[in-house]
């Protein structure tokens, strides 16, 4: 079993949700400083949750669970109800066995990274490469986004900067062939991790989804079925629109989790809860800034604690 070594990313997570905390969750926490759990508190809490981009469906589920907890545990104090709210948020974000999605039965671990253009996919790949190399893993990148102009050059530039091998063909080449060659090269070089960039044209294009399915099939035939993971990159700043994009990818190929990019750039980080609840996918990584090391392995408890932290970390 090839295991990914989890790091402690609490401070980075707290920094990434700073805008969300200051805009919405500080107000939310303030509601629970009142003397009682009255109707006004519930109504205002609902408005704030929806405003934070948690979404109507997830907000209704969260409030239903919270009210049930308040009744069943005989809670009457608002500060105790706040702790129950945090607990329910962690429950939504927690997936049994999600840590195993960062592991593989055998080397190399193959990460097939999908997402629409502009979501921060290629930069997220660079962050993953940095994360794994810092853990002492040998990484090979595959430039299988052969359709977007300059995508290959962009990934090669990241590879040079990070001192990571990049396997590439010419622009317009068969993406599946690039993916297969990347896997072969990784094996010959005794690499631990393969990260493959895929085409990111509009999710409404049927040919894009077919291309993604083809890459997936070719890699499986190459013997990576037990060690292959599909990671969907979503842009946190697009909020609920990102959910529509994600559903199209999920219909094309089974996804193992989400890399939520640009979380630090939005005040609506509540989208994390909507992703988990409505898509049924765990968030595995978050982007916490613009530099290659601005990445955190997602932890539900750290995320919720960061949303309600009284003071941001340095």
C-alpha atoms as a PDB file:
ATOM      1  CA  UNK A   1       0.000   0.000   0.000  1.00  0.00           C
ATOM      2  CA  UNK A   2       1.397   3.372  -1.052  1.00  0.00           C
ATOM      3  CA  UNK A   3       0.361   5.954   1.516  1.00  0.00           C
ATOM      4  CA  UNK A   4       0.227   9.703   1.286  1.00  0.00           C
ATOM      5  CA  UNK A   5       1.769  11.309   4.350  1.00  0.00           C
ATOM      6  CA  UNK A   6      -0.785  13.718   5.828  1.00  0.00           C
ATOM      7  CA  UNK A   7       0.560  17.066   6.922  1.00  0.00           C
ATOM      8  CA  UNK A   8      -0.791  19.432   9.523  1.00  0.00           C
ATOM      9  CA  UNK A   9      -2.384  22.220   7.482  1.00  0.00           C
ATOM     10  CA  UNK A  10      -4.585  23.850  10.097  1.00  0.00           C
ATOM     11  CA  UNK A  11      -2.979  27.303   9.813  1.00  0.00           C
ATOM     12  CA  UNK A  12      -3.169  27.319   6.007  1.00  0.00           C
ATOM     13  CA  UNK A  13      -6.809  26.262   6.108  1.00  0.00           C
ATOM     14  CA  UNK A  14      -7.689  28.994   8.577  1.00  0.00           C
ATOM     15  CA  UNK A  15      -5.969  31.579   6.400  1.00  0.00           C
ATOM     16  CA  UNK A  16      -7.788  30.332   3.283  1.00  0.00           C
ATOM     17  CA  UNK A  17     -11.225  30.811   4.835  1.00  0.00           C
ATOM     18  CA  UNK A  18     -10.428  34.258   6.245  1.00  0.00           C
ATOM     19  CA  UNK A  19     -12.685  36.128   3.790  1.00  0.00           C
ATOM     20  CA  UNK A  20     -15.538  33.723   4.374  1.00  0.00           C
ATOM     21  CA  UNK A  21     -15.127  33.950   8.126  1.00  0.00           C
ATOM     22  CA  UNK A  22     -15.014  37.746   8.212  1.00  0.00           C
ATOM     23  CA  UNK A  23     -17.924  38.180   5.782  1.00  0.00           C
ATOM     24  CA  UNK A  24     -20.430  35.569   6.975  1.00  0.00           C
ATOM     25  CA  UNK A  25     -19.370  33.258   9.765  1.00  0.00           C
ATOM     26  CA  UNK A  26     -18.394  35.970  12.217  1.00  0.00           C
ATOM     27  CA  UNK A  27     -21.969  37.236  11.917  1.00  0.00           C
ATOM     28  CA  UNK A  28     -23.216  33.688  12.251  1.00  0.00           C
ATOM     29  CA  UNK A  29     -21.301  33.125  15.465  1.00  0.00           C
ATOM     30  CA  UNK A  30     -22.667  36.429  16.748  1.00  0.00           C
ATOM     31  CA  UNK A  31     -26.204  35.115  16.506  1.00  0.00           C
ATOM     32  CA  UNK A  32     -25.435  32.565  19.191  1.00  0.00           C
ATOM     33  CA  UNK A  33     -24.470  35.252  21.697  1.00  0.00           C
ATOM     34  CA  UNK A  34     -28.162  35.945  22.243  1.00  0.00           C
ATOM     35  CA  UNK A  35     -30.053  34.879  25.331  1.00  0.00           C
ATOM     36  CA  UNK A  36     -32.364  32.373  23.639  1.00  0.00           C
ATOM     37  CA  UNK A  37     -32.956  30.290  20.528  1.00  0.00           C
ATOM     38  CA  UNK A  38     -35.851  32.323  19.175  1.00  0.00           C
ATOM     39  CA  UNK A  39     -37.453  32.383  15.708  1.00  0.00           C
ATOM     40  CA  UNK A  40     -35.435  35.412  14.662  1.00  0.00           C
ATOM     41  CA  UNK A  41     -32.191  33.544  15.308  1.00  0.00           C
ATOM     42  CA  UNK A  42     -33.255  30.616  13.119  1.00  0.00           C
ATOM     43  CA  UNK A  43     -34.379  32.906  10.294  1.00  0.00           C
ATOM     44  CA  UNK A  44     -31.194  34.975  10.346  1.00  0.00           C
ATOM     45  CA  UNK A  45     -29.067  31.833  10.528  1.00  0.00           C
ATOM     46  CA  UNK A  46     -30.793  30.482   7.430  1.00  0.00           C
ATOM     47  CA  UNK A  47     -30.143  33.706   5.521  1.00  0.00           C
ATOM     48  CA  UNK A  48     -26.467  33.740   6.454  1.00  0.00           C
ATOM     49  CA  UNK A  49     -25.943  30.099   5.528  1.00  0.00           C
ATOM     50  CA  UNK A  50     -27.460  30.630   2.090  1.00  0.00           C
ATOM     51  CA  UNK A  51     -25.502  33.854   1.606  1.00  0.00           C
ATOM     52  CA  UNK A  52     -22.273  31.972   2.348  1.00  0.00           C
ATOM     53  CA  UNK A  53     -23.056  29.802  -0.723  1.00  0.00           C
ATOM     54  CA  UNK A  54     -23.930  26.704   1.236  1.00  0.00           C
ATOM     55  CA  UNK A  55     -26.993  26.492  -0.984  1.00  0.00           C
ATOM     56  CA  UNK A  56     -30.684  26.155  -0.231  1.00  0.00           C
ATOM     57  CA  UNK A  57     -30.831  22.351  -0.178  1.00  0.00           C
ATOM     58  CA  UNK A  58     -27.781  21.929   2.047  1.00  0.00           C
ATOM     59  CA  UNK A  59     -28.914  24.774   4.321  1.00  0.00           C
ATOM     60  CA  UNK A  60     -32.313  23.127   4.803  1.00  0.00           C
ATOM     61  CA  UNK A  61     -30.648  19.804   5.590  1.00  0.00           C
ATOM     62  CA  UNK A  62     -28.225  21.423   8.024  1.00  0.00           C
ATOM     63  CA  UNK A  63     -30.938  23.333   9.882  1.00  0.00           C
ATOM     64  CA  UNK A  64     -33.177  20.280  10.043  1.00  0.00           C
ATOM     65  CA  UNK A  65     -30.371  18.266  11.606  1.00  0.00           C
ATOM     66  CA  UNK A  66     -29.481  21.100  13.976  1.00  0.00           C
ATOM     67  CA  UNK A  67     -33.074  21.515  15.196  1.00  0.00           C
ATOM     68  CA  UNK A  68     -33.317  17.749  15.713  1.00  0.00           C
ATOM     69  CA  UNK A  69     -30.089  17.788  17.756  1.00  0.00           C
ATOM     70  CA  UNK A  70     -31.322  20.706  19.853  1.00  0.00           C
ATOM     71  CA  UNK A  71     -34.542  18.834  20.657  1.00  0.00           C
ATOM     72  CA  UNK A  72     -33.011  15.414  21.281  1.00  0.00           C
ATOM     73  CA  UNK A  73     -30.228  16.739  23.502  1.00  0.00           C
ATOM     74  CA  UNK A  74     -32.419  19.223  25.368  1.00  0.00           C
ATOM     75  CA  UNK A  75     -30.269  22.203  24.420  1.00  0.00           C
ATOM     76  CA  UNK A  76     -31.605  25.625  25.318  1.00  0.00           C
ATOM     77  CA  UNK A  77     -28.486  27.797  25.382  1.00  0.00           C
ATOM     78  CA  UNK A  78     -27.402  29.385  22.079  1.00  0.00           C
ATOM     79  CA  UNK A  79     -23.706  28.739  22.739  1.00  0.00           C
ATOM     80  CA  UNK A  80     -24.431  25.021  23.073  1.00  0.00           C
ATOM     81  CA  UNK A  81     -26.437  25.125  19.832  1.00  0.00           C
ATOM     82  CA  UNK A  82     -23.441  26.679  18.077  1.00  0.00           C
ATOM     83  CA  UNK A  83     -21.331  23.670  19.027  1.00  0.00           C
ATOM     84  CA  UNK A  84     -24.019  21.403  17.599  1.00  0.00           C
ATOM     85  CA  UNK A  85     -23.977  23.420  14.359  1.00  0.00           C
ATOM     86  CA  UNK A  86     -20.229  22.953  14.067  1.00  0.00           C
ATOM     87  CA  UNK A  87     -20.608  19.238  14.704  1.00  0.00           C
ATOM     88  CA  UNK A  88     -23.220  18.868  11.977  1.00  0.00           C
ATOM     89  CA  UNK A  89     -21.003  20.759   9.509  1.00  0.00           C
ATOM     90  CA  UNK A  90     -18.131  18.386  10.252  1.00  0.00           C
ATOM     91  CA  UNK A  91     -20.501  15.442   9.755  1.00  0.00           C
ATOM     92  CA  UNK A  92     -21.482  16.716   6.291  1.00  0.00           C
ATOM     93  CA  UNK A  93     -17.837  17.127   5.289  1.00  0.00           C
ATOM     94  CA  UNK A  94     -16.651  13.781   6.636  1.00  0.00           C
ATOM     95  CA  UNK A  95     -16.551  10.749   4.345  1.00  0.00           C
ATOM     96  CA  UNK A  96     -15.742   7.275   5.563  1.00  0.00           C
ATOM     97  CA  UNK A  97     -12.553   6.091   3.949  1.00  0.00           C
ATOM     98  CA  UNK A  98     -11.754   9.434   2.316  1.00  0.00           C
ATOM     99  CA  UNK A  99      -8.161   9.212   3.529  1.00  0.00           C
ATOM    100  CA  UNK A 100      -7.858   6.033   1.481  1.00  0.00           C
ATOM    101  CA  UNK A 101      -8.493   8.072  -1.644  1.00  0.00           C
ATOM    102  CA  UNK A 102      -5.036   9.520  -1.153  1.00  0.00           C
ATOM    103  CA  UNK A 103      -3.533   6.038  -1.250  1.00  0.00           C
ATOM    104  CA  UNK A 104      -2.983   3.324  -3.842  1.00  0.00           C
ATOM    105  CA  UNK A 105      -2.656  -0.431  -3.885  1.00  0.00           C
ATOM    106  CA  UNK A 106       0.641  -0.158  -5.750  1.00  0.00           C
ATOM    107  CA  UNK A 107       3.020   2.419  -7.133  1.00  0.00           C
ATOM    108  CA  UNK A 108       2.647   4.664  -8.939  1.00  0.00           C
ATOM    109  CA  UNK A 109      -0.414   6.467  -7.654  1.00  0.00           C
ATOM    110  CA  UNK A 110      -2.107   7.909 -10.767  1.00  0.00           C
ATOM    111  CA  UNK A 111      -4.025  11.173 -10.362  1.00  0.00           C
ATOM    112  CA  UNK A 112      -6.160  12.084 -13.359  1.00  0.00           C
ATOM    113  CA  UNK A 113      -6.975  15.780 -12.892  1.00  0.00           C
ATOM    114  CA  UNK A 114     -10.136  17.099 -14.565  1.00  0.00           C
ATOM    115  CA  UNK A 115     -11.899  20.457 -14.611  1.00  0.00           C
ATOM    116  CA  UNK A 116     -12.984  23.260 -16.918  1.00  0.00           C
ATOM    117  CA  UNK A 117     -10.538  25.812 -18.264  1.00  0.00           C
ATOM    118  CA  UNK A 118     -10.013  28.664 -15.855  1.00  0.00           C
ATOM    119  CA  UNK A 119     -10.681  26.610 -12.737  1.00  0.00           C
ATOM    120  CA  UNK A 120      -6.992  26.630 -11.815  1.00  0.00           C
ATOM    121  CA  UNK A 121      -6.391  23.045 -12.908  1.00  0.00           C
ATOM    122  CA  UNK A 122      -2.799  23.328 -14.123  1.00  0.00           C
ATOM    123  CA  UNK A 123      -1.719  25.425 -11.145  1.00  0.00           C
ATOM    124  CA  UNK A 124      -3.399  22.924  -8.838  1.00  0.00           C
ATOM    125  CA  UNK A 125      -1.384  20.159 -10.499  1.00  0.00           C
ATOM    126  CA  UNK A 126       1.790  22.101  -9.769  1.00  0.00           C
ATOM    127  CA  UNK A 127       0.741  22.408  -6.125  1.00  0.00           C
ATOM    128  CA  UNK A 128       0.106  18.678  -5.920  1.00  0.00           C
ATOM    129  CA  UNK A 129       3.517  18.013  -7.442  1.00  0.00           C
ATOM    130  CA  UNK A 130       5.159  20.260  -4.866  1.00  0.00           C
ATOM    131  CA  UNK A 131       3.213  18.610  -2.057  1.00  0.00           C
ATOM    132  CA  UNK A 132       4.281  15.121  -3.047  1.00  0.00           C
ATOM    133  CA  UNK A 133       7.912  16.025  -3.732  1.00  0.00           C
ATOM    134  CA  UNK A 134       8.115  17.651  -0.314  1.00  0.00           C
ATOM    135  CA  UNK A 135       7.081  14.274   1.094  1.00  0.00           C
ATOM    136  CA  UNK A 136      10.018  12.693  -0.706  1.00  0.00           C
ATOM    137  CA  UNK A 137       7.981  11.206  -3.554  1.00  0.00           C
ATOM    138  CA  UNK A 138       9.156  11.112  -7.146  1.00  0.00           C
ATOM    139  CA  UNK A 139       6.563  12.716  -9.434  1.00  0.00           C
ATOM    140  CA  UNK A 140       5.996  12.567 -13.191  1.00  0.00           C
ATOM    141  CA  UNK A 141       3.531  14.937 -14.887  1.00  0.00           C
ATOM    142  CA  UNK A 142       1.595  14.235 -18.077  1.00  0.00           C
ATOM    143  CA  UNK A 143       0.550  17.078 -20.397  1.00  0.00           C
ATOM    144  CA  UNK A 144      -2.613  15.447 -21.765  1.00  0.00           C
ATOM    145  CA  UNK A 145      -4.467  18.735 -22.216  1.00  0.00           C
ATOM    146  CA  UNK A 146      -3.425  18.874 -25.859  1.00  0.00           C
ATOM    147  CA  UNK A 147      -6.312  21.085 -26.997  1.00  0.00           C
ATOM    148  CA  UNK A 148      -5.861  24.330 -25.081  1.00  0.00           C
ATOM    149  CA  UNK A 149      -3.297  26.691 -26.551  1.00  0.00           C
ATOM    150  CA  UNK A 150      -0.154  26.887 -24.401  1.00  0.00           C
ATOM    151  CA  UNK A 151      -1.399  24.263 -21.923  1.00  0.00           C
ATOM    152  CA  UNK A 152       1.561  22.004 -22.667  1.00  0.00           C
ATOM    153  CA  UNK A 153       4.052  24.854 -22.339  1.00  0.00           C
ATOM    154  CA  UNK A 154       2.459  25.964 -19.084  1.00  0.00           C
ATOM    155  CA  UNK A 155       2.831  22.528 -17.524  1.00  0.00           C
ATOM    156  CA  UNK A 156       6.389  22.198 -18.838  1.00  0.00           C
ATOM    157  CA  UNK A 157       7.254  25.535 -17.254  1.00  0.00           C
ATOM    158  CA  UNK A 158       5.912  24.302 -13.917  1.00  0.00           C
ATOM    159  CA  UNK A 159       7.874  21.072 -14.327  1.00  0.00           C
ATOM    160  CA  UNK A 160      11.096  22.975 -14.898  1.00  0.00           C
ATOM    161  CA  UNK A 161      10.432  25.233 -11.922  1.00  0.00           C
ATOM    162  CA  UNK A 162       9.645  22.303  -9.626  1.00  0.00           C
ATOM    163  CA  UNK A 163      12.322  20.031 -11.137  1.00  0.00           C
ATOM    164  CA  UNK A 164       9.710  17.439 -12.061  1.00  0.00           C
ATOM    165  CA  UNK A 165       9.662  15.397 -15.314  1.00  0.00           C
ATOM    166  CA  UNK A 166       6.893  16.257 -17.791  1.00  0.00           C
ATOM    167  CA  UNK A 167       5.809  13.884 -20.560  1.00  0.00           C
ATOM    168  CA  UNK A 168       4.332  15.740 -23.539  1.00  0.00           C
ATOM    169  CA  UNK A 169       3.461  15.357 -27.200  1.00  0.00           C
ATOM    170  CA  UNK A 170       2.667  18.081 -29.713  1.00  0.00           C
ATOM    171  CA  UNK A 171      -0.441  20.263 -29.454  1.00  0.00           C
ATOM    172  CA  UNK A 172      -3.486  18.461 -30.847  1.00  0.00           C
ATOM    173  CA  UNK A 173      -2.067  15.000 -30.168  1.00  0.00           C
ATOM    174  CA  UNK A 174      -4.145  12.145 -28.772  1.00  0.00           C
ATOM    175  CA  UNK A 175      -4.626  12.867 -25.061  1.00  0.00           C
ATOM    176  CA  UNK A 176      -5.016   9.200 -24.190  1.00  0.00           C
ATOM    177  CA  UNK A 177      -1.686   8.416 -25.873  1.00  0.00           C
ATOM    178  CA  UNK A 178       0.002  11.087 -23.763  1.00  0.00           C
ATOM    179  CA  UNK A 179      -1.550   9.612 -20.624  1.00  0.00           C
ATOM    180  CA  UNK A 180      -0.406   6.107 -21.527  1.00  0.00           C
ATOM    181  CA  UNK A 181       3.132   7.277 -22.293  1.00  0.00           C
ATOM    182  CA  UNK A 182       3.227   9.166 -19.001  1.00  0.00           C
ATOM    183  CA  UNK A 183       2.303   6.043 -17.072  1.00  0.00           C
ATOM    184  CA  UNK A 184       4.923   4.017 -18.952  1.00  0.00           C
ATOM    185  CA  UNK A 185       7.599   6.643 -18.302  1.00  0.00           C
ATOM    186  CA  UNK A 186       6.706   6.807 -14.624  1.00  0.00           C
ATOM    187  CA  UNK A 187       7.110   3.070 -14.267  1.00  0.00           C
ATOM    188  CA  UNK A 188      10.444   3.051 -16.056  1.00  0.00           C
ATOM    189  CA  UNK A 189      11.666   5.862 -13.814  1.00  0.00           C
ATOM    190  CA  UNK A 190      10.368   4.184 -10.642  1.00  0.00           C
ATOM    191  CA  UNK A 191       8.112   7.162  -9.865  1.00  0.00           C
ATOM    192  CA  UNK A 192       5.745   7.218  -6.913  1.00  0.00           C
ATOM    193  CA  UNK A 193       3.092   9.558  -8.300  1.00  0.00           C
ATOM    194  CA  UNK A 194       1.751  10.318 -11.778  1.00  0.00           C
ATOM    195  CA  UNK A 195      -0.333  13.484 -12.225  1.00  0.00           C
ATOM    196  CA  UNK A 196      -2.040  13.883 -15.587  1.00  0.00           C
ATOM    197  CA  UNK A 197      -3.516  17.142 -16.843  1.00  0.00           C
ATOM    198  CA  UNK A 198      -6.631  16.644 -18.977  1.00  0.00           C
ATOM    199  CA  UNK A 199      -8.549  18.813 -21.432  1.00  0.00           C
ATOM    200  CA  UNK A 200     -10.681  21.488 -19.834  1.00  0.00           C
ATOM    201  CA  UNK A 201     -12.863  22.889 -22.550  1.00  0.00           C
ATOM    202  CA  UNK A 202     -16.472  23.743 -21.752  1.00  0.00           C
ATOM    203  CA  UNK A 203     -18.203  20.994 -19.817  1.00  0.00           C
ATOM    204  CA  UNK A 204     -21.155  21.143 -22.216  1.00  0.00           C
ATOM    205  CA  UNK A 205     -18.981  19.751 -25.034  1.00  0.00           C
ATOM    206  CA  UNK A 206     -19.742  16.059 -25.405  1.00  0.00           C
ATOM    207  CA  UNK A 207     -16.364  15.385 -27.033  1.00  0.00           C
ATOM    208  CA  UNK A 208     -14.567  16.625 -23.924  1.00  0.00           C
ATOM    209  CA  UNK A 209     -16.325  14.103 -21.716  1.00  0.00           C
ATOM    210  CA  UNK A 210     -15.710  11.325 -24.227  1.00  0.00           C
ATOM    211  CA  UNK A 211     -12.024  12.227 -24.254  1.00  0.00           C
ATOM    212  CA  UNK A 212     -11.909  12.028 -20.470  1.00  0.00           C
ATOM    213  CA  UNK A 213     -13.575   8.612 -20.501  1.00  0.00           C
ATOM    214  CA  UNK A 214     -11.117   7.438 -23.158  1.00  0.00           C
ATOM    215  CA  UNK A 215      -8.108   8.467 -21.051  1.00  0.00           C
ATOM    216  CA  UNK A 216      -9.614   6.658 -18.092  1.00  0.00           C
ATOM    217  CA  UNK A 217     -10.103   3.454 -20.136  1.00  0.00           C
ATOM    218  CA  UNK A 218      -6.615   3.562 -21.645  1.00  0.00           C
ATOM    219  CA  UNK A 219      -4.982   3.970 -18.228  1.00  0.00           C
ATOM    220  CA  UNK A 220      -7.025   1.104 -16.841  1.00  0.00           C
ATOM    221  CA  UNK A 221      -5.922  -1.125 -19.715  1.00  0.00           C
ATOM    222  CA  UNK A 222      -2.392  -0.058 -18.845  1.00  0.00           C
ATOM    223  CA  UNK A 223      -2.835  -1.754 -15.480  1.00  0.00           C
ATOM    224  CA  UNK A 224      -3.541   1.261 -13.241  1.00  0.00           C
ATOM    225  CA  UNK A 225      -7.141   0.425 -12.301  1.00  0.00           C
ATOM    226  CA  UNK A 226      -6.249  -0.225  -8.651  1.00  0.00           C
ATOM    227  CA  UNK A 227      -4.087   2.866  -8.258  1.00  0.00           C
ATOM    228  CA  UNK A 228      -5.958   5.414 -10.382  1.00  0.00           C
ATOM    229  CA  UNK A 229      -7.830   8.350  -8.846  1.00  0.00           C
ATOM    230  CA  UNK A 230      -9.844  11.034 -10.604  1.00  0.00           C
ATOM    231  CA  UNK A 231      -9.526  14.435  -8.981  1.00  0.00           C
ATOM    232  CA  UNK A 232     -11.981  17.149 -10.015  1.00  0.00           C
ATOM    233  CA  UNK A 233     -10.704  20.726  -9.829  1.00  0.00           C
ATOM    234  CA  UNK A 234     -13.330  23.341  -8.967  1.00  0.00           C
ATOM    235  CA  UNK A 235     -12.905  27.098  -8.656  1.00  0.00           C
ATOM    236  CA  UNK A 236     -14.243  28.182  -5.259  1.00  0.00           C
ATOM    237  CA  UNK A 237     -14.913  31.698  -6.558  1.00  0.00           C
ATOM    238  CA  UNK A 238     -17.580  30.397  -8.988  1.00  0.00           C
ATOM    239  CA  UNK A 239     -19.726  29.175  -6.106  1.00  0.00           C
ATOM    240  CA  UNK A 240     -22.899  27.322  -7.035  1.00  0.00           C
ATOM    241  CA  UNK A 241     -22.021  27.465 -10.746  1.00  0.00           C
ATOM    242  CA  UNK A 242     -19.193  25.081 -10.008  1.00  0.00           C
ATOM    243  CA  UNK A 243     -21.721  22.453  -8.938  1.00  0.00           C
ATOM    244  CA  UNK A 244     -23.285  22.423 -12.400  1.00  0.00           C
ATOM    245  CA  UNK A 245     -19.854  21.949 -13.968  1.00  0.00           C
ATOM    246  CA  UNK A 246     -19.033  19.175 -11.537  1.00  0.00           C
ATOM    247  CA  UNK A 247     -22.169  17.171 -12.285  1.00  0.00           C
ATOM    248  CA  UNK A 248     -21.208  16.920 -15.954  1.00  0.00           C
ATOM    249  CA  UNK A 249     -17.805  15.488 -15.086  1.00  0.00           C
ATOM    250  CA  UNK A 250     -19.280  13.064 -12.565  1.00  0.00           C
ATOM    251  CA  UNK A 251     -21.632  11.753 -15.244  1.00  0.00           C
ATOM    252  CA  UNK A 252     -18.660  11.091 -17.541  1.00  0.00           C
ATOM    253  CA  UNK A 253     -16.342   9.344 -15.112  1.00  0.00           C
ATOM    254  CA  UNK A 254     -16.372   8.349 -11.470  1.00  0.00           C
ATOM    255  CA  UNK A 255     -14.601  11.010  -9.413  1.00  0.00           C
ATOM    256  CA  UNK A 256     -12.818  10.285  -6.162  1.00  0.00           C
ATOM    257  CA  UNK A 257     -12.691  13.778  -4.756  1.00  0.00           C
ATOM    258  CA  UNK A 258     -12.311  17.493  -5.301  1.00  0.00           C
ATOM    259  CA  UNK A 259      -9.403  19.895  -5.368  1.00  0.00           C
ATOM    260  CA  UNK A 260     -11.063  23.201  -4.459  1.00  0.00           C
ATOM    261  CA  UNK A 261      -8.874  25.917  -5.964  1.00  0.00           C
ATOM    262  CA  UNK A 262      -8.800  29.613  -5.032  1.00  0.00           C
ATOM    263  CA  UNK A 263     -10.580  29.141  -1.702  1.00  0.00           C
ATOM    264  CA  UNK A 264      -8.608  32.067  -0.341  1.00  0.00           C
ATOM    265  CA  UNK A 265     -10.072  34.334  -3.039  1.00  0.00           C
ATOM    266  CA  UNK A 266     -13.742  34.038  -2.112  1.00  0.00           C
ATOM    267  CA  UNK A 267     -16.034  35.089   0.726  1.00  0.00           C
ATOM    268  CA  UNK A 268     -18.363  32.199  -0.057  1.00  0.00           C
ATOM    269  CA  UNK A 269     -16.357  29.250   1.170  1.00  0.00           C
ATOM    270  CA  UNK A 270     -19.582  27.612   2.288  1.00  0.00           C
ATOM    271  CA  UNK A 271     -19.566  26.002  -1.157  1.00  0.00           C
ATOM    272  CA  UNK A 272     -17.419  23.277   0.431  1.00  0.00           C
ATOM    273  CA  UNK A 273     -20.483  22.049   2.314  1.00  0.00           C
ATOM    274  CA  UNK A 274     -22.617  22.097  -0.830  1.00  0.00           C
ATOM    275  CA  UNK A 275     -19.996  20.072  -2.721  1.00  0.00           C
ATOM    276  CA  UNK A 276     -19.927  17.417  -0.040  1.00  0.00           C
ATOM    277  CA  UNK A 277     -23.685  17.236   0.497  1.00  0.00           C
ATOM    278  CA  UNK A 278     -25.016  17.671  -3.049  1.00  0.00           C
ATOM    279  CA  UNK A 279     -22.280  15.971  -5.053  1.00  0.00           C
ATOM    280  CA  UNK A 280     -21.415  13.296  -2.533  1.00  0.00           C
ATOM    281  CA  UNK A 281     -17.717  13.978  -3.048  1.00  0.00           C
ATOM    282  CA  UNK A 282     -15.097  14.681  -0.402  1.00  0.00           C
ATOM    283  CA  UNK A 283     -12.936  17.761  -0.754  1.00  0.00           C
ATOM    284  CA  UNK A 284      -9.407  16.324  -0.595  1.00  0.00           C
ATOM    285  CA  UNK A 285      -7.258  19.412  -1.212  1.00  0.00           C
ATOM    286  CA  UNK A 286      -7.760  23.170  -1.065  1.00  0.00           C
ATOM    287  CA  UNK A 287      -5.857  25.986  -2.705  1.00  0.00           C
ATOM    288  CA  UNK A 288      -4.747  28.496  -0.100  1.00  0.00           C
ATOM    289  CA  UNK A 289      -2.890  31.063  -2.225  1.00  0.00           C
ATOM    290  CA  UNK A 290      -1.061  31.622  -5.492  1.00  0.00           C
ATOM    291  CA  UNK A 291       2.299  30.001  -4.774  1.00  0.00           C
ATOM    292  CA  UNK A 292       3.147  26.303  -5.381  1.00  0.00           C
ATOM    293  CA  UNK A 293       3.216  25.542  -1.665  1.00  0.00           C
ATOM    294  CA  UNK A 294      -0.164  27.214  -1.064  1.00  0.00           C
ATOM    295  CA  UNK A 295      -2.037  23.937  -0.718  1.00  0.00           C
ATOM    296  CA  UNK A 296      -3.567  22.099   2.213  1.00  0.00           C
ATOM    297  CA  UNK A 297      -4.796  18.553   2.640  1.00  0.00           C
ATOM    298  CA  UNK A 298      -8.429  19.095   3.570  1.00  0.00           C
ATOM    299  CA  UNK A 299      -9.539  18.254   7.092  1.00  0.00           C
ATOM    300  CA  UNK A 300     -13.248  18.776   7.990  1.00  0.00           C
ATOM    301  CA  UNK A 301     -12.581  19.717  11.611  1.00  0.00           C
ATOM    302  CA  UNK A 302      -9.834  22.185  10.706  1.00  0.00           C
ATOM    303  CA  UNK A 303     -12.089  23.752   8.081  1.00  0.00           C
ATOM    304  CA  UNK A 304     -15.050  24.255  10.426  1.00  0.00           C
ATOM    305  CA  UNK A 305     -12.820  25.489  13.240  1.00  0.00           C
ATOM    306  CA  UNK A 306     -11.298  27.974  10.795  1.00  0.00           C
ATOM    307  CA  UNK A 307     -14.719  29.296   9.801  1.00  0.00           C
ATOM    308  CA  UNK A 308     -15.570  30.116  13.398  1.00  0.00           C
ATOM    309  CA  UNK A 309     -12.101  31.062  14.671  1.00  0.00           C
ATOM    310  CA  UNK A 310     -12.068  34.230  16.721  1.00  0.00           C
ATOM    311  CA  UNK A 311      -8.704  35.383  15.461  1.00  0.00           C
ATOM    312  CA  UNK A 312      -6.948  34.431  12.204  1.00  0.00           C
ATOM    313  CA  UNK A 313      -3.593  32.682  12.408  1.00  0.00           C
ATOM    314  CA  UNK A 314      -0.462  34.618  11.509  1.00  0.00           C
END
